[in-house]
Amino acid sequence: MRVYGIKTCGSVKKALKFLKDIGVEFEFIDFKKESVGCDKIDEWLKKVDINTLFNSRGTKYRQLKLKELNLDDEGKREWLCKENLLIKRPVIELDNGEVLVGFDEEVYREVFSGA
């Protein structure tokens, strides 16, 4: 299982703590050290909606003034490819191929109940 995010993100911290507390092993990929390209973004977009993956409430979104651009889905995808900090965090790739985006403790409890 892989967890993508940045260590300073509150949601990522909660997710990592949750996974560690229940003893789930994972590999952590830090967007600040290792960016993901369009191939990975496209892989995720086959499993989750663009609006789930695209973080329109984060600091980077405001800094880049993307609200003013009224991006369509393709525009959002292009921005995700070139600026990984626009990806809603964390992104978790489960061993079964499923992808979880963001931290929702109820969803995590359900998904990892067998762990």
C-alpha atoms as a PDB file:
ATOM      1  CA  MET A   1       0.000   0.000   0.000  1.00  0.00           C
ATOM      2  CA  ARG A   2       1.221   3.492  -0.833  1.00  0.00           C
ATOM      3  CA  VAL A   3       0.331   6.779   0.827  1.00  0.00           C
ATOM      4  CA  TYR A   4       1.032   9.985  -1.109  1.00  0.00           C
ATOM      5  CA  GLY A   5       1.117  13.417   0.521  1.00  0.00           C
ATOM      6  CA  ILE A   6       3.319  15.863   2.388  1.00  0.00           C
ATOM      7  CA  LYS A   7       4.413  15.400   5.983  1.00  0.00           C
ATOM      8  CA  THR A   8       3.291  18.860   7.099  1.00  0.00           C
ATOM      9  CA  CYS A   9      -0.322  18.389   5.937  1.00  0.00           C
ATOM     10  CA  GLY A  10      -2.819  17.954   8.780  1.00  0.00           C
ATOM     11  CA  SER A  11      -4.906  15.376   6.900  1.00  0.00           C
ATOM     12  CA  VAL A  12      -1.808  13.373   6.014  1.00  0.00           C
ATOM     13  CA  LYS A  13      -0.655  13.419   9.644  1.00  0.00           C
ATOM     14  CA  LYS A  14      -4.064  12.109  10.781  1.00  0.00           C
ATOM     15  CA  ALA A  15      -4.050   9.391   8.127  1.00  0.00           C
ATOM     16  CA  LEU A  16      -0.501   8.236   8.939  1.00  0.00           C
ATOM     17  CA  LYS A  17      -1.285   8.160  12.662  1.00  0.00           C
ATOM     18  CA  PHE A  18      -4.472   6.184  12.018  1.00  0.00           C
ATOM     19  CA  LEU A  19      -2.645   3.617   9.869  1.00  0.00           C
ATOM     20  CA  LYS A  20       0.240   3.280  12.342  1.00  0.00           C
ATOM     21  CA  ASP A  21      -2.165   2.935  15.289  1.00  0.00           C
ATOM     22  CA  ILE A  22      -3.919  -0.022  13.655  1.00  0.00           C
ATOM     23  CA  GLY A  23      -0.656  -1.585  12.489  1.00  0.00           C
ATOM     24  CA  VAL A  24      -1.051  -1.165   8.726  1.00  0.00           C
ATOM     25  CA  GLU A  25       2.219  -1.169   6.792  1.00  0.00           C
ATOM     26  CA  PHE A  26       2.606   1.340   3.987  1.00  0.00           C
ATOM     27  CA  GLU A  27       5.120   3.162   1.832  1.00  0.00           C
ATOM     28  CA  PHE A  28       5.005   6.964   2.112  1.00  0.00           C
ATOM     29  CA  ILE A  29       5.688   9.090  -0.956  1.00  0.00           C
ATOM     30  CA  ASP A  30       6.277  12.771  -0.185  1.00  0.00           C
ATOM     31  CA  PHE A  31       5.152  15.094  -3.009  1.00  0.00           C
ATOM     32  CA  LYS A  32       7.837  17.598  -1.983  1.00  0.00           C
ATOM     33  CA  LYS A  33      10.596  15.030  -2.576  1.00  0.00           C
ATOM     34  CA  GLU A  34       9.144  12.887  -5.348  1.00  0.00           C
ATOM     35  CA  SER A  35       6.580  14.342  -7.709  1.00  0.00           C
ATOM     36  CA  VAL A  36       4.084  12.206  -9.561  1.00  0.00           C
ATOM     37  CA  GLY A  37       3.551  12.717 -13.259  1.00  0.00           C
ATOM     38  CA  CYS A  38       0.560  12.677 -15.572  1.00  0.00           C
ATOM     39  CA  ASP A  39       0.657   8.879 -15.888  1.00  0.00           C
ATOM     40  CA  LYS A  40      -0.022   8.460 -12.163  1.00  0.00           C
ATOM     41  CA  ILE A  41      -2.619  11.260 -12.147  1.00  0.00           C
ATOM     42  CA  ASP A  42      -4.425   9.604 -15.090  1.00  0.00           C
ATOM     43  CA  GLU A  43      -4.308   6.254 -13.286  1.00  0.00           C
ATOM     44  CA  TRP A  44      -5.977   7.839 -10.240  1.00  0.00           C
ATOM     45  CA  LEU A  45      -8.539   9.663 -12.398  1.00  0.00           C
ATOM     46  CA  LYS A  46      -9.771   6.301 -13.709  1.00  0.00           C
ATOM     47  CA  LYS A  47     -10.758   5.517 -10.114  1.00  0.00           C
ATOM     48  CA  VAL A  48     -11.741   8.879  -8.594  1.00  0.00           C
ATOM     49  CA  ASP A  49     -13.448  12.011  -9.893  1.00  0.00           C
ATOM     50  CA  ILE A  50     -11.291  15.005 -10.855  1.00  0.00           C
ATOM     51  CA  ASN A  51     -13.102  17.151  -8.290  1.00  0.00           C
ATOM     52  CA  THR A  52     -12.231  14.631  -5.574  1.00  0.00           C
ATOM     53  CA  LEU A  53      -8.546  14.681  -6.509  1.00  0.00           C
ATOM     54  CA  PHE A  54      -8.215  18.427  -7.220  1.00  0.00           C
ATOM     55  CA  ASN A  55      -7.808  20.501  -4.061  1.00  0.00           C
ATOM     56  CA  SER A  56      -9.573  23.794  -4.676  1.00  0.00           C
ATOM     57  CA  ARG A  57      -9.382  24.823  -1.004  1.00  0.00           C
ATOM     58  CA  GLY A  58      -5.635  24.696  -0.421  1.00  0.00           C
ATOM     59  CA  THR A  59      -2.992  27.370  -0.150  1.00  0.00           C
ATOM     60  CA  LYS A  60      -1.403  26.497  -3.511  1.00  0.00           C
ATOM     61  CA  TYR A  61      -4.773  26.926  -5.287  1.00  0.00           C
ATOM     62  CA  ARG A  62      -5.141  30.414  -3.788  1.00  0.00           C
ATOM     63  CA  GLN A  63      -1.499  31.362  -4.462  1.00  0.00           C
ATOM     64  CA  LEU A  64      -1.851  30.453  -8.126  1.00  0.00           C
ATOM     65  CA  LYS A  65      -5.198  32.317  -8.358  1.00  0.00           C
ATOM     66  CA  LEU A  66      -6.730  29.336 -10.141  1.00  0.00           C
ATOM     67  CA  LYS A  67     -10.283  30.255  -9.143  1.00  0.00           C
ATOM     68  CA  GLU A  68     -10.104  33.145 -11.611  1.00  0.00           C
ATOM     69  CA  LEU A  69      -9.332  30.719 -14.453  1.00  0.00           C
ATOM     70  CA  ASN A  70     -12.600  28.750 -14.121  1.00  0.00           C
ATOM     71  CA  LEU A  71     -10.765  25.538 -15.019  1.00  0.00           C
ATOM     72  CA  ASP A  72     -12.573  22.727 -16.790  1.00  0.00           C
ATOM     73  CA  ASP A  73     -11.689  19.097 -16.022  1.00  0.00           C
ATOM     74  CA  GLU A  74      -8.855  19.021 -18.564  1.00  0.00           C
ATOM     75  CA  GLY A  75      -7.447  22.262 -17.166  1.00  0.00           C
ATOM     76  CA  LYS A  76      -7.548  20.827 -13.651  1.00  0.00           C
ATOM     77  CA  ARG A  77      -5.780  17.666 -14.854  1.00  0.00           C
ATOM     78  CA  GLU A  78      -3.026  19.739 -16.477  1.00  0.00           C
ATOM     79  CA  TRP A  79      -2.499  21.703 -13.260  1.00  0.00           C
ATOM     80  CA  LEU A  80      -2.390  18.489 -11.195  1.00  0.00           C
ATOM     81  CA  CYS A  81       0.343  17.158 -13.480  1.00  0.00           C
ATOM     82  CA  LYS A  82       2.549  20.209 -13.131  1.00  0.00           C
ATOM     83  CA  GLU A  83       1.779  21.147  -9.523  1.00  0.00           C
ATOM     84  CA  ASN A  84       1.394  18.129  -7.213  1.00  0.00           C
ATOM     85  CA  LEU A  85       0.536  20.324  -4.229  1.00  0.00           C
ATOM     86  CA  LEU A  86      -2.890  20.819  -5.853  1.00  0.00           C
ATOM     87  CA  ILE A  87      -3.645  17.139  -5.214  1.00  0.00           C
ATOM     88  CA  LYS A  88      -6.009  16.616  -2.307  1.00  0.00           C
ATOM     89  CA  ARG A  89      -4.123  14.695   0.354  1.00  0.00           C
ATOM     90  CA  PRO A  90      -3.502  12.029   1.264  1.00  0.00           C
ATOM     91  CA  VAL A  91      -3.941   9.756  -1.735  1.00  0.00           C
ATOM     92  CA  ILE A  92      -3.823   6.107  -0.722  1.00  0.00           C
ATOM     93  CA  GLU A  93      -3.336   3.312  -3.235  1.00  0.00           C
ATOM     94  CA  LEU A  94      -4.663   0.128  -1.689  1.00  0.00           C
ATOM     95  CA  ASP A  95      -3.251  -3.257  -2.614  1.00  0.00           C
ATOM     96  CA  ASN A  96      -6.563  -4.143  -4.302  1.00  0.00           C
ATOM     97  CA  GLY A  97      -6.167  -1.213  -6.724  1.00  0.00           C
ATOM     98  CA  GLU A  98      -8.684   1.034  -4.986  1.00  0.00           C
ATOM     99  CA  VAL A  99      -7.747   4.696  -4.396  1.00  0.00           C
ATOM    100  CA  LEU A 100      -8.774   6.744  -1.354  1.00  0.00           C
ATOM    101  CA  VAL A 101      -8.435  10.538  -1.367  1.00  0.00           C
ATOM    102  CA  GLY A 102      -8.424  12.704   1.747  1.00  0.00           C
ATOM    103  CA  PHE A 103      -8.823  11.658   5.368  1.00  0.00           C
ATOM    104  CA  ASP A 104     -12.202  10.447   6.584  1.00  0.00           C
ATOM    105  CA  GLU A 105     -11.906   8.398   9.751  1.00  0.00           C
ATOM    106  CA  GLU A 106     -15.240   6.609   9.197  1.00  0.00           C
ATOM    107  CA  VAL A 107     -14.220   5.519   5.693  1.00  0.00           C
ATOM    108  CA  TYR A 108     -10.788   4.429   6.970  1.00  0.00           C
ATOM    109  CA  ARG A 109     -12.364   2.372   9.769  1.00  0.00           C
ATOM    110  CA  GLU A 110     -14.562   0.637   7.208  1.00  0.00           C
ATOM    111  CA  VAL A 111     -11.780   0.020   4.674  1.00  0.00           C
ATOM    112  CA  PHE A 112      -9.178  -1.093   7.205  1.00  0.00           C
ATOM    113  CA  SER A 113     -11.459  -2.994   9.594  1.00  0.00           C
ATOM    114  CA  GLY A 114      -9.892  -6.273   8.524  1.00  0.00           C
ATOM    115  CA  ALA A 115      -6.362  -5.015   9.174  1.00  0.00           C
END
